[in-house]
Amino acid sequence: HLNLSESLLQEIPNHAKLAESVARGYTQYAFVFLMDEADRIESDSLQKANQLRTRAAKILMRAQSNGLKTLNLLYPQLGTYLNNPAQRPAFKIKPEDTGLVYWTMTAWAGGISLSKDSPDVVADLPQVLRLAELAWQAEPQYDQGSLASMMGTLELAKPGGQNVNAEKYFDLAIEWRSGQISPLISKAENWAVATQNRAAFERLLKQAIDLGHTKSDLINTVMTRRARWLLDSADNLF
């Protein structure tokens, strides 16, 4: 399905919703089926875990490439802004394109996180941060807090990022989550680990697991599994 959608996108590269679907599909595949699995098997086989992460990085950058290509067609000045925002201080995106920006920058950020030994890739982080800000300005509550959660993660990742600011983003994500448990897990996995707050880590994950049973859709089912794994791995994180 993803390959077919990507082929269609090559024919109509300025189709924002199709580009968003392709970027979202590849990004979710990389996170759910490759990166999560790599975390699980790392203690048993570091080689296999690294192979999965290498594949995930390639797929994430494929998602980023598709999304960014369409964004550049829709917003010809985007490249200039991302490289030098001072030249276009009033640059904005349309709210309806927030999803495309979100999935493009999420894929980009994921690819960077898996390529820390590649300085050229890591050097793109400022552009990811600028894309995230564009999405935030356009629609802060995008996807029931998913964007807010990502803003928290990026706040922790950027040079000079503040834990207190990251916590505010995660708390907004939790407030807007609308039955989804992902923001709870994201705050535990990122903010609680970064601040070495084990009590909050365990509380957030247990809350997520309890809530996951009340709305057992695909996303919550996948994330409940991750919450349980994180709890079991707490001694390795603190």
Protein backbone atom coordinates (compact mmCIF):
# COMPACT_ATOMS: atom_id res chain seq x y z
CA HIS A 1 0.00 0.00 0.00
CA LEU A 2 2.79 2.43 0.90
CA ASN A 3 4.73 1.66 -2.27
CA LEU A 4 1.60 2.21 -4.36
CA SER A 5 0.83 5.50 -2.61
CA GLU A 6 4.41 6.64 -3.08
CA SER A 7 4.22 5.82 -6.79
CA LEU A 8 1.04 7.87 -7.11
CA LEU A 9 2.73 10.73 -5.30
CA GLN A 10 5.47 10.78 -7.93
CA GLU A 11 2.74 11.50 -10.49
CA ILE A 12 1.05 14.24 -8.44
CA PRO A 13 3.83 15.51 -6.13
CA ASN A 14 1.89 18.61 -5.04
CA HIS A 15 -0.97 16.57 -3.54
CA ALA A 16 -0.66 17.52 0.14
CA LYS A 17 -2.97 14.90 1.64
CA LEU A 18 -1.38 12.06 -0.35
CA ALA A 19 2.07 13.24 0.68
CA GLU A 20 0.91 13.39 4.29
CA SER A 21 -0.43 9.84 4.04
CA VAL A 22 2.86 8.55 2.63
CA ALA A 23 4.98 10.35 5.23
CA ARG A 24 2.70 9.18 8.04
CA GLY A 25 2.63 5.58 6.83
CA TYR A 26 6.38 5.18 6.51
CA THR A 27 7.01 6.97 9.81
CA GLN A 28 4.54 4.84 11.74
CA TYR A 29 5.94 1.68 10.16
CA ALA A 30 9.47 2.63 11.19
CA PHE A 31 8.51 3.46 14.77
CA VAL A 32 6.08 0.62 15.46
CA PHE A 33 7.60 -2.31 13.59
CA LEU A 34 11.31 -1.49 13.52
CA MET A 35 12.44 0.90 16.26
CA ASP A 36 10.22 -0.58 18.96
CA GLU A 37 11.30 -4.10 18.01
CA ALA A 38 14.96 -3.02 18.05
CA ASP A 39 14.57 -1.79 21.62
CA ARG A 40 13.02 -5.09 22.66
CA ILE A 41 15.66 -7.39 21.21
CA GLU A 42 18.74 -5.27 21.92
CA SER A 43 19.60 -7.14 25.11
CA ASP A 44 19.50 -10.46 23.22
CA SER A 45 21.08 -9.40 19.93
CA LEU A 46 22.73 -6.04 19.49
CA GLN A 47 23.52 -6.87 15.87
CA LYS A 48 19.89 -7.50 14.96
CA ALA A 49 18.81 -4.37 16.84
CA ASN A 50 21.31 -2.28 14.90
CA GLN A 51 20.11 -3.79 11.62
CA LEU A 52 16.53 -2.84 12.45
CA ARG A 53 17.55 0.70 13.39
CA THR A 54 19.52 1.10 10.18
CA ARG A 55 16.48 0.03 8.18
CA ALA A 56 14.27 2.32 10.24
CA ALA A 57 16.56 5.29 9.57
CA LYS A 58 16.35 4.68 5.81
CA ILE A 59 12.56 4.45 5.91
CA LEU A 60 12.26 7.58 8.05
CA MET A 61 14.41 9.58 5.67
CA ARG A 62 12.28 8.23 2.81
CA ALA A 63 9.22 9.60 4.60
CA GLN A 64 10.99 12.91 5.18
CA SER A 65 12.08 13.15 1.55
CA ASN A 66 8.55 12.61 0.24
CA GLY A 67 7.02 15.07 2.66
CA LEU A 68 9.63 17.76 2.20
CA LYS A 69 9.44 17.52 -1.60
CA THR A 70 5.73 18.30 -1.53
CA LEU A 71 6.15 21.04 1.07
CA ASN A 72 8.75 22.72 -1.11
CA LEU A 73 6.32 22.65 -4.04
CA LEU A 74 3.53 24.13 -1.93
CA TYR A 75 5.80 26.67 -0.24
CA PRO A 76 8.66 27.63 -2.60
CA GLN A 77 10.28 29.83 0.07
CA LEU A 78 10.33 27.08 2.70
CA GLY A 79 13.92 26.02 2.01
CA THR A 80 15.15 29.58 2.43
CA TYR A 81 13.25 29.92 5.71
CA LEU A 82 14.52 26.63 7.13
CA ASN A 83 18.11 27.53 6.34
CA ASN A 84 17.88 31.17 7.39
CA PRO A 85 14.65 32.05 9.24
CA ALA A 86 15.78 35.65 9.76
CA GLN A 87 15.22 36.28 6.06
CA ARG A 88 11.50 35.45 6.33
CA PRO A 89 10.37 36.17 9.91
CA ALA A 90 6.66 36.13 8.97
CA PHE A 91 6.70 32.78 7.16
CA LYS A 92 3.64 30.65 7.93
CA ILE A 93 1.92 27.50 6.72
CA LYS A 94 -1.78 26.91 6.22
CA PRO A 95 -3.52 25.02 9.08
CA GLU A 96 -4.66 22.33 6.63
CA ASP A 97 -1.00 21.49 5.91
CA THR A 98 -0.11 20.98 9.57
CA GLY A 99 -0.31 17.21 9.23
CA LEU A 100 2.13 17.13 6.35
CA VAL A 101 4.57 19.33 8.26
CA TYR A 102 4.12 17.24 11.42
CA TRP A 103 4.85 13.89 9.81
CA THR A 104 7.72 15.29 7.74
CA MET A 105 9.47 16.77 10.77
CA THR A 106 8.69 13.70 12.93
CA ALA A 107 10.30 11.43 10.33
CA TRP A 108 13.24 13.83 10.06
CA ALA A 109 13.70 13.95 13.83
CA GLY A 110 13.50 10.16 14.04
CA GLY A 111 16.10 9.77 11.32
CA ILE A 112 18.41 12.14 13.18
CA SER A 113 17.96 10.24 16.45
CA LEU A 114 19.11 7.07 14.69
CA SER A 115 22.06 8.74 12.95
CA LYS A 116 23.97 10.34 15.82
CA ASP A 117 27.25 9.11 14.34
CA SER A 118 26.54 11.03 11.10
CA PRO A 119 27.33 14.73 11.69
CA ASP A 120 25.78 15.78 8.37
CA VAL A 121 22.43 14.30 9.39
CA VAL A 122 22.53 15.65 12.95
CA ALA A 123 23.32 19.11 11.58
CA ASP A 124 19.77 19.24 10.20
CA LEU A 125 18.21 19.45 13.69
CA PRO A 126 17.72 23.26 13.53
CA GLN A 127 15.61 22.80 10.39
CA VAL A 128 13.48 20.20 12.17
CA LEU A 129 12.95 22.61 15.05
CA ARG A 130 11.83 25.34 12.63
CA LEU A 131 9.39 22.98 10.93
CA ALA A 132 7.99 22.06 14.33
CA GLU A 133 7.49 25.73 15.19
CA LEU A 134 5.63 26.28 11.91
CA ALA A 135 3.26 23.43 12.76
CA TRP A 136 2.81 24.73 16.31
CA GLN A 137 1.93 28.21 15.07
CA ALA A 138 -0.59 26.78 12.61
CA GLU A 139 -2.41 24.23 14.83
CA PRO A 140 -1.05 23.58 18.36
CA GLN A 141 -3.66 20.92 19.17
CA TYR A 142 -2.96 18.90 16.03
CA ASP A 143 -3.83 15.19 16.34
CA GLN A 144 -5.07 15.30 19.93
CA GLY A 145 -1.77 16.38 21.44
CA SER A 146 0.64 14.50 19.19
CA LEU A 147 2.28 17.75 18.10
CA ALA A 148 2.53 19.03 21.68
CA SER A 149 4.18 15.78 22.71
CA MET A 150 6.67 16.07 19.86
CA MET A 151 7.41 19.66 20.86
CA GLY A 152 8.31 18.37 24.31
CA THR A 153 10.61 15.73 22.87
CA LEU A 154 12.34 18.28 20.65
CA GLU A 155 12.72 20.71 23.57
CA LEU A 156 14.71 18.02 25.39
CA ALA A 157 16.79 17.28 22.28
CA LYS A 158 17.77 20.77 21.25
CA PRO A 159 20.88 22.54 22.57
CA GLY A 160 19.93 24.59 25.60
CA GLY A 161 16.51 22.95 25.89
CA GLN A 162 14.78 23.32 29.25
CA ASN A 163 13.20 20.41 31.13
CA VAL A 164 10.53 22.71 32.56
CA ASN A 165 9.49 23.84 29.07
CA ALA A 166 9.39 20.25 27.84
CA GLU A 167 7.16 19.30 30.76
CA LYS A 168 4.70 22.05 29.82
CA TYR A 169 4.42 20.66 26.30
CA PHE A 170 3.92 17.12 27.55
CA ASP A 171 1.26 18.26 30.01
CA LEU A 172 -0.62 20.00 27.19
CA ALA A 173 -0.41 16.81 25.15
CA ILE A 174 -1.86 14.83 28.05
CA GLU A 175 -4.65 17.41 28.46
CA TRP A 176 -5.55 17.18 24.76
CA ARG A 177 -5.06 13.42 24.36
CA SER A 178 -8.78 12.51 23.99
CA GLY A 179 -8.47 8.91 25.14
CA GLN A 180 -5.05 8.24 23.63
CA ILE A 181 -2.31 7.07 25.99
CA SER A 182 0.66 7.98 23.79
CA PRO A 183 1.30 11.38 25.47
CA LEU A 184 1.54 9.72 28.89
CA ILE A 185 4.12 7.27 27.59
CA SER A 186 6.02 9.96 25.73
CA LYS A 187 6.32 12.07 28.88
CA ALA A 188 7.52 9.04 30.84
CA GLU A 189 9.99 7.87 28.20
CA ASN A 190 11.42 11.29 27.48
CA TRP A 191 10.90 13.83 30.26
CA ALA A 192 10.90 11.45 33.24
CA VAL A 193 14.01 9.66 32.01
CA ALA A 194 15.78 12.93 31.17
CA THR A 195 15.08 14.27 34.67
CA GLN A 196 15.68 10.85 36.27
CA ASN A 197 12.28 10.98 37.96
CA ARG A 198 11.53 7.31 38.40
CA ALA A 199 8.41 7.87 40.49
CA ALA A 200 6.82 9.95 37.72
CA PHE A 201 8.03 7.43 35.12
CA GLU A 202 6.26 4.54 36.83
CA ARG A 203 3.14 6.57 37.65
CA LEU A 204 2.69 7.74 34.06
CA LEU A 205 3.20 4.29 32.58
CA LYS A 206 0.82 2.60 35.03
CA GLN A 207 -1.77 5.26 34.27
CA ALA A 208 -1.29 4.64 30.55
CA ILE A 209 -1.70 0.89 30.95
CA ASP A 210 -4.89 1.33 32.99
CA LEU A 211 -6.37 3.76 30.46
CA GLY A 212 -5.33 1.58 27.54
CA HIS A 213 -7.88 -1.02 28.57
CA THR A 214 -10.72 1.49 28.32
CA LYS A 215 -10.10 2.29 24.66
CA SER A 216 -8.36 -0.61 22.99
CA ASP A 217 -7.86 0.76 19.49
CA LEU A 218 -4.75 -0.12 17.49
CA ILE A 219 -2.67 2.83 18.69
CA ASN A 220 -3.49 2.27 22.35
CA THR A 221 -2.85 -1.47 22.00
CA VAL A 222 0.60 -0.87 20.53
CA MET A 223 1.44 1.81 23.08
CA THR A 224 0.21 -0.30 26.01
CA ARG A 225 2.67 -2.98 24.95
CA ARG A 226 5.45 -0.39 24.91
CA ALA A 227 4.42 0.93 28.33
CA ARG A 228 4.72 -2.55 29.81
CA TRP A 229 8.15 -3.02 28.22
CA LEU A 230 9.34 0.33 29.55
CA LEU A 231 8.21 -0.57 33.06
CA ASP A 232 10.10 -3.86 32.83
CA SER A 233 13.18 -1.93 31.64
CA ALA A 234 13.11 0.71 34.38
CA ASP A 235 16.26 -0.57 36.09
CA ASN A 236 18.18 0.04 32.86
CA LEU A 237 16.93 3.61 32.60
CA PHE A 238 17.45 4.81 36.17
